[in-house]
Amino acid sequence: MPRTPNQTAQPIILLAGPTASGKSSAAIALAQKYGGVIINADSMQVYKELRLITARPSEEDEALLPHSMYGHTPGKERYSTGKWAKDVRHEIDRAQAAGKRPIITGGTGLYFRALTDGLVSIPNVPDDISVHWRAQATRLGAQKLHTILSGQDPIMAEQLKPGDTQRITRALEVLETTGKSLSFWQQQKDSPVLSPEEQKNITRVVIAPPRDILYRRINKRLEWIVETGGLEEVQNLKDLDIDPGLPIMRALGVPELLAYLNGDCTREEAIERASMMSRRYAKRQMTWLRSNMPYTTDEGNNITWTWVKSKDKERLQQEILSLK
């Protein structure tokens, strides 16, 4: 997957951050300055059915500057990190061949890990096995599923919380598919998307506004999403009758707005619940970023990740544009 870059190729910018941090507007500013292509690194923004809910770039933004890997996958498909890694390599090469600077932006930590560290190599799970265990999860619940895993794969069961339905289901799928524990496969790793030579010449930025500012933006964005067509998006998604176990059905805001559309709560309750879940998600993202993208130096005393913490978006963009 990785390769030695052309010496004349435009260096890559990695732009990470939690939801509602201002990544998209910063990416546009960078693309305008450098003549760049904005490449998606958000696992929910790959799905074509949800533009507003996932805060995908608007049609106007996409018309203004080149964007890649946004809304290109149907929600009925399960888009994996491994597939993203192959696709992003192609898009990086295509941008550089056109003399454009790749600007990879998003909030999905595993996507950035695939770029710089490589991915755990796990064989694909056949659809029938995946469907079976998702059905079992719905029928039995997480606790009973965890008990089943404990009997078949105690090592993996010890690592997972009894209420973590998604990861327990994944462990059982992998065990049935391969005959080996997920813990075995987690020790296998592919090469990173970006070669060591490429990584010497990339700019790595984390956008991290103060928590109160971030939470305020999240609350306002959820209200704006609902007012500008978010409910219609979720209704259209509901009409497609997509398997509830697929990733698109877990996108931030989808479960809560579905509950409203199904008559299980009021509109105000749905918005408040969706805002709360988004704030919790942002908190988890920040925890991951601090652990995996720290403001540290490597052996050559070069800053690995630059953290930009400005409160307002205008100052934030000024700081980012001042970076080399």
Protein backbone atom coordinates (compact mmCIF):
# COMPACT_ATOMS: atom_id res chain seq x y z
CA MET A 1 0.00 0.00 0.00
CA PRO A 2 2.62 2.63 0.90
CA ARG A 3 5.05 3.82 -1.75
CA THR A 4 7.93 6.20 -2.24
CA PRO A 5 6.52 9.58 -3.25
CA ASN A 6 7.54 11.57 -6.28
CA GLN A 7 9.95 14.22 -5.05
CA THR A 8 7.90 16.93 -6.78
CA ALA A 9 4.58 15.75 -5.31
CA GLN A 10 2.69 18.19 -3.13
CA PRO A 11 3.15 17.32 0.58
CA ILE A 12 0.11 16.10 2.51
CA ILE A 13 -1.80 17.90 5.24
CA LEU A 14 -3.60 15.88 7.94
CA LEU A 15 -6.33 17.88 9.68
CA ALA A 16 -8.02 16.10 12.59
CA GLY A 17 -10.41 17.17 15.32
CA PRO A 18 -13.68 16.40 17.10
CA THR A 19 -17.11 16.99 15.63
CA ALA A 20 -18.07 20.69 15.22
CA SER A 21 -14.48 21.87 15.75
CA GLY A 22 -14.29 23.80 12.48
CA LYS A 23 -12.34 21.29 10.37
CA SER A 24 -14.33 21.79 7.18
CA SER A 25 -13.93 25.56 7.03
CA ALA A 26 -10.24 25.24 7.92
CA ALA A 27 -9.77 22.65 5.16
CA ILE A 28 -11.39 25.01 2.65
CA ALA A 29 -9.07 27.84 3.70
CA LEU A 30 -6.05 25.55 3.29
CA ALA A 31 -7.26 24.28 -0.08
CA GLN A 32 -7.69 27.84 -1.32
CA LYS A 33 -4.21 28.79 -0.14
CA TYR A 34 -2.38 25.74 -1.51
CA GLY A 35 -4.54 24.64 -4.43
CA GLY A 36 -5.57 21.51 -2.57
CA VAL A 37 -8.01 18.63 -2.76
CA ILE A 38 -10.05 18.04 0.41
CA ILE A 39 -10.19 14.30 1.12
CA ASN A 40 -12.68 12.89 3.62
CA ALA A 41 -11.54 11.09 6.78
CA ASP A 42 -14.93 10.82 8.49
CA SER A 43 -16.55 7.38 8.54
CA MET A 44 -20.12 8.74 8.40
CA GLN A 45 -19.55 11.35 5.71
CA VAL A 46 -18.85 8.59 3.17
CA TYR A 47 -22.59 7.75 3.03
CA LYS A 48 -24.59 9.46 0.32
CA GLU A 49 -27.96 9.53 2.11
CA LEU A 50 -26.87 11.83 4.94
CA ARG A 51 -25.44 15.25 4.11
CA LEU A 52 -26.99 17.46 6.81
CA ILE A 53 -26.96 14.93 9.64
CA THR A 54 -23.27 14.13 9.18
CA ALA A 55 -22.31 17.79 8.52
CA ARG A 56 -20.88 16.88 5.13
CA PRO A 57 -19.59 19.80 3.04
CA SER A 58 -22.42 21.59 1.29
CA GLU A 59 -23.03 21.37 -2.45
CA GLU A 60 -21.77 24.96 -2.69
CA ASP A 61 -18.51 24.06 -0.93
CA GLU A 62 -18.02 21.03 -3.16
CA ALA A 63 -18.59 23.21 -6.23
CA LEU A 64 -16.11 25.80 -4.94
CA LEU A 65 -13.18 23.42 -4.42
CA PRO A 66 -12.31 19.79 -5.21
CA HIS A 67 -13.66 17.37 -2.58
CA SER A 68 -13.10 13.64 -2.60
CA MET A 69 -14.63 10.56 -0.90
CA TYR A 70 -17.72 12.37 0.39
CA GLY A 71 -21.13 10.72 -0.04
CA HIS A 72 -19.84 8.06 -2.40
CA THR A 73 -21.14 4.95 -0.62
CA PRO A 74 -24.77 3.74 -0.28
CA GLY A 75 -25.96 3.35 3.30
CA LYS A 76 -26.91 -0.27 2.63
CA GLU A 77 -23.20 -1.08 2.34
CA ARG A 78 -20.77 -1.49 5.22
CA TYR A 79 -17.78 0.72 4.41
CA SER A 80 -14.71 -0.54 6.26
CA THR A 81 -11.55 1.20 7.39
CA GLY A 82 -9.59 -1.16 5.15
CA LYS A 83 -11.64 -0.05 2.14
CA TRP A 84 -11.09 3.58 3.08
CA ALA A 85 -7.33 3.00 3.28
CA LYS A 86 -7.25 1.63 -0.27
CA ASP A 87 -9.48 4.39 -1.60
CA VAL A 88 -7.56 7.20 0.09
CA ARG A 89 -4.26 5.96 -1.35
CA HIS A 90 -5.78 6.22 -4.81
CA GLU A 91 -7.10 9.73 -4.11
CA ILE A 92 -3.77 10.94 -2.71
CA ASP A 93 -1.97 9.71 -5.82
CA ARG A 94 -4.58 11.26 -8.11
CA ALA A 95 -4.38 14.64 -6.36
CA GLN A 96 -0.58 14.72 -6.45
CA ALA A 97 -0.51 13.65 -10.11
CA ALA A 98 -2.67 16.70 -10.85
CA GLY A 99 -0.31 18.96 -8.89
CA LYS A 100 -2.83 19.36 -6.06
CA ARG A 101 -2.07 19.23 -2.34
CA PRO A 102 -3.98 16.45 -0.51
CA ILE A 103 -5.74 17.81 2.59
CA ILE A 104 -7.11 14.86 4.54
CA THR A 105 -9.63 15.96 7.14
CA GLY A 106 -12.06 14.30 9.53
CA GLY A 107 -12.64 12.97 12.99
CA THR A 108 -12.33 9.19 12.59
CA GLY A 109 -9.26 8.17 14.54
CA LEU A 110 -8.83 4.78 12.89
CA TYR A 111 -8.60 6.44 9.49
CA PHE A 112 -5.66 8.56 10.64
CA ARG A 113 -4.10 5.52 12.28
CA ALA A 114 -4.35 3.69 8.94
CA LEU A 115 -2.46 6.57 7.32
CA THR A 116 0.47 6.75 9.71
CA ASP A 117 0.61 3.47 11.66
CA GLY A 118 -1.15 0.80 9.62
CA LEU A 119 -4.24 -1.27 10.28
CA VAL A 120 -4.91 -4.48 12.11
CA SER A 121 -5.32 -7.10 9.41
CA ILE A 122 -8.64 -8.94 9.90
CA PRO A 123 -10.22 -11.09 7.16
CA ASN A 124 -13.60 -9.98 5.83
CA VAL A 125 -16.62 -11.51 7.56
CA PRO A 126 -19.14 -13.11 5.17
CA ASP A 127 -22.53 -11.43 5.08
CA ASP A 128 -24.42 -14.48 6.36
CA ILE A 129 -22.26 -14.71 9.48
CA SER A 130 -22.56 -10.98 10.11
CA VAL A 131 -26.35 -11.08 9.69
CA HIS A 132 -26.58 -14.06 12.05
CA TRP A 133 -24.70 -12.43 14.91
CA ARG A 134 -26.44 -9.08 14.51
CA ALA A 135 -29.74 -10.91 14.77
CA GLN A 136 -28.50 -12.73 17.86
CA ALA A 137 -27.47 -9.41 19.40
CA THR A 138 -30.96 -8.01 18.84
CA ARG A 139 -32.67 -11.15 20.15
CA LEU A 140 -30.45 -11.92 23.16
CA GLY A 141 -28.98 -8.57 24.17
CA ALA A 142 -25.40 -7.65 25.03
CA GLN A 143 -25.15 -9.46 28.37
CA LYS A 144 -26.13 -12.88 27.01
CA LEU A 145 -23.98 -12.34 23.95
CA HIS A 146 -21.03 -11.60 26.24
CA THR A 147 -21.70 -14.87 28.08
CA ILE A 148 -21.55 -16.74 24.76
CA LEU A 149 -18.25 -15.02 23.92
CA SER A 150 -16.86 -15.90 27.36
CA GLY A 151 -17.46 -19.57 26.64
CA GLN A 152 -15.88 -19.46 23.17
CA ASP A 153 -13.19 -16.80 23.50
CA PRO A 154 -12.48 -15.94 27.15
CA ILE A 155 -9.44 -13.83 26.29
CA MET A 156 -11.46 -11.46 24.13
CA ALA A 157 -14.41 -11.49 26.52
CA GLU A 158 -12.13 -10.31 29.30
CA GLN A 159 -11.15 -7.28 27.23
CA LEU A 160 -14.71 -6.19 26.38
CA LYS A 161 -17.37 -4.63 28.56
CA PRO A 162 -20.50 -6.81 28.88
CA GLY A 163 -22.63 -3.99 27.49
CA ASP A 164 -20.54 -3.32 24.38
CA THR A 165 -22.84 -4.95 21.84
CA GLN A 166 -20.97 -3.81 18.75
CA ARG A 167 -17.54 -5.09 19.78
CA ILE A 168 -18.89 -8.33 21.26
CA THR A 169 -20.74 -9.04 18.03
CA ARG A 170 -17.60 -8.26 16.04
CA ALA A 171 -15.54 -10.67 18.17
CA LEU A 172 -18.03 -13.49 17.59
CA GLU A 173 -18.17 -12.78 13.84
CA VAL A 174 -14.39 -12.94 13.52
CA LEU A 175 -14.14 -16.07 15.66
CA GLU A 176 -16.69 -17.94 13.53
CA THR A 177 -15.18 -16.72 10.27
CA THR A 178 -11.53 -17.50 11.02
CA GLY A 179 -11.52 -19.95 13.90
CA LYS A 180 -9.16 -17.57 15.70
CA SER A 181 -9.73 -14.97 18.41
CA LEU A 182 -10.00 -11.32 17.47
CA SER A 183 -7.11 -10.82 19.91
CA PHE A 184 -4.90 -12.84 17.53
CA TRP A 185 -5.85 -10.72 14.55
CA GLN A 186 -5.32 -7.51 16.50
CA GLN A 187 -1.64 -8.37 16.64
CA GLN A 188 -1.41 -8.56 12.83
CA LYS A 189 -0.85 -5.22 11.12
CA ASP A 190 -0.66 -3.96 7.55
CA SER A 191 1.78 -1.28 6.45
CA PRO A 192 0.58 2.32 6.81
CA VAL A 193 -0.92 4.09 3.81
CA LEU A 194 1.78 6.76 3.92
CA SER A 195 5.35 5.59 3.44
CA PRO A 196 8.10 6.62 5.87
CA GLU A 197 9.40 9.07 3.27
CA GLU A 198 5.97 10.64 2.86
CA GLN A 199 5.58 10.96 6.60
CA LYS A 200 8.75 13.03 6.84
CA ASN A 201 7.07 15.78 4.86
CA ILE A 202 3.49 15.97 6.11
CA THR A 203 1.82 18.65 8.20
CA ARG A 204 -0.24 17.23 11.08
CA VAL A 205 -2.82 19.46 12.77
CA VAL A 206 -5.40 18.85 15.48
CA ILE A 207 -8.16 21.45 15.86
CA ALA A 208 -9.23 21.48 19.50
CA PRO A 209 -11.43 24.41 20.62
CA PRO A 210 -12.18 24.78 24.34
CA ARG A 211 -14.85 22.38 25.54
CA ASP A 212 -17.48 25.04 26.29
CA ILE A 213 -17.10 26.50 22.79
CA LEU A 214 -17.26 23.07 21.21
CA TYR A 215 -20.40 22.06 23.12
CA ARG A 216 -22.10 25.33 22.24
CA ARG A 217 -21.41 24.72 18.55
CA ILE A 218 -22.76 21.17 18.81
CA ASN A 219 -26.01 22.38 20.37
CA LYS A 220 -26.50 25.08 17.74
CA ARG A 221 -25.67 22.72 14.90
CA LEU A 222 -28.23 20.13 15.95
CA GLU A 223 -30.94 22.79 16.05
CA TRP A 224 -29.85 24.07 12.63
CA ILE A 225 -29.80 20.54 11.16
CA VAL A 226 -33.37 19.87 12.24
CA GLU A 227 -34.58 23.25 11.00
CA THR A 228 -32.98 22.88 7.56
CA GLY A 229 -34.03 19.39 6.53
CA GLY A 230 -32.43 16.92 8.91
CA LEU A 231 -35.75 15.29 9.77
CA GLU A 232 -36.50 14.79 6.08
CA GLU A 233 -33.10 13.13 5.62
CA VAL A 234 -33.78 10.71 8.45
CA GLN A 235 -37.30 10.02 7.16
CA ASN A 236 -35.87 9.18 3.73
CA LEU A 237 -33.33 6.91 5.40
CA LYS A 238 -36.12 5.21 7.34
CA ASP A 239 -38.07 4.63 4.11
CA LEU A 240 -35.11 2.69 2.68
CA ASP A 241 -35.63 0.02 5.38
CA ILE A 242 -31.88 -0.36 5.96
CA ASP A 243 -30.61 -3.03 8.37
CA PRO A 244 -30.48 -1.26 11.78
CA GLY A 245 -27.14 -2.95 12.46
CA LEU A 246 -25.37 -1.08 9.65
CA PRO A 247 -23.11 1.88 10.52
CA ILE A 248 -25.23 4.55 8.84
CA MET A 249 -28.08 3.85 11.26
CA ARG A 250 -25.78 4.78 14.16
CA ALA A 251 -24.73 8.16 12.75
CA LEU A 252 -24.98 10.96 15.32
CA GLY A 253 -28.57 12.16 15.48
CA VAL A 254 -30.11 9.32 13.49
CA PRO A 255 -31.34 7.10 16.38
CA GLU A 256 -32.75 10.10 18.25
CA LEU A 257 -34.55 11.62 15.27
CA LEU A 258 -35.86 8.19 14.32
CA ALA A 259 -37.33 7.93 17.81
CA TYR A 260 -39.16 11.21 17.21
CA LEU A 261 -40.41 10.11 13.80
CA ASN A 262 -41.64 6.86 15.36
CA GLY A 263 -43.60 8.81 17.98
CA ASP A 264 -41.43 7.69 20.89
CA CYS A 265 -40.46 11.19 22.05
CA THR A 266 -41.07 14.86 21.34
CA ARG A 267 -39.05 16.88 18.83
CA GLU A 268 -37.42 18.84 21.66
CA GLU A 269 -36.49 15.64 23.49
CA ALA A 270 -34.97 14.21 20.31
CA ILE A 271 -32.86 17.31 19.73
CA GLU A 272 -31.66 17.42 23.34
CA ARG A 273 -30.84 13.71 23.31
CA ALA A 274 -28.99 14.00 19.99
CA SER A 275 -27.05 17.01 21.30
CA MET A 276 -26.09 15.11 24.45
CA MET A 277 -24.90 12.08 22.47
CA SER A 278 -22.89 14.37 20.17
CA ARG A 279 -21.25 16.06 23.15
CA ARG A 280 -20.33 12.68 24.61
CA TYR A 281 -18.93 11.60 21.26
CA ALA A 282 -16.84 14.78 21.03
CA LYS A 283 -15.47 14.08 24.50
CA ARG A 284 -14.46 10.55 23.45
CA GLN A 285 -12.85 11.94 20.31
CA MET A 286 -10.80 14.41 22.36
CA THR A 287 -9.67 11.64 24.69
CA TRP A 288 -8.54 9.58 21.70
CA LEU A 289 -6.79 12.54 20.10
CA ARG A 290 -4.87 13.36 23.26
CA SER A 291 -3.72 9.74 23.54
CA ASN A 292 -2.88 9.15 19.90
CA MET A 293 -2.02 12.58 18.48
CA PRO A 294 -0.14 14.27 21.31
CA TYR A 295 1.78 17.51 21.00
CA THR A 296 5.15 15.78 21.28
CA THR A 297 8.49 15.65 19.51
CA ASP A 298 9.95 12.74 17.63
CA GLU A 299 13.61 11.69 17.74
CA GLY A 300 14.52 14.54 15.42
CA ASN A 301 12.88 17.07 17.76
CA ASN A 302 10.18 17.84 15.24
CA ILE A 303 6.66 18.49 16.50
CA THR A 304 4.51 15.51 15.55
CA TRP A 305 1.05 17.12 15.86
CA THR A 306 0.34 20.82 16.12
CA TRP A 307 -2.70 21.55 18.29
CA VAL A 308 -4.67 24.68 17.41
CA LYS A 309 -6.97 25.76 20.25
CA SER A 310 -8.37 29.12 19.20
CA LYS A 311 -11.85 30.00 20.41
CA ASP A 312 -13.15 31.67 17.26
CA LYS A 313 -13.04 30.24 13.74
CA GLU A 314 -11.43 33.30 12.15
CA ARG A 315 -8.43 33.21 14.52
CA LEU A 316 -8.30 29.43 14.14
CA GLN A 317 -7.99 29.70 10.37
CA GLN A 318 -5.29 32.37 10.71
CA GLU A 319 -3.24 30.08 12.95
CA ILE A 320 -3.60 27.12 10.61
CA LEU A 321 -2.75 29.15 7.51
CA SER A 322 0.41 30.39 9.25
CA LEU A 323 1.74 26.82 9.53
CA LYS A 324 4.36 25.64 7.08
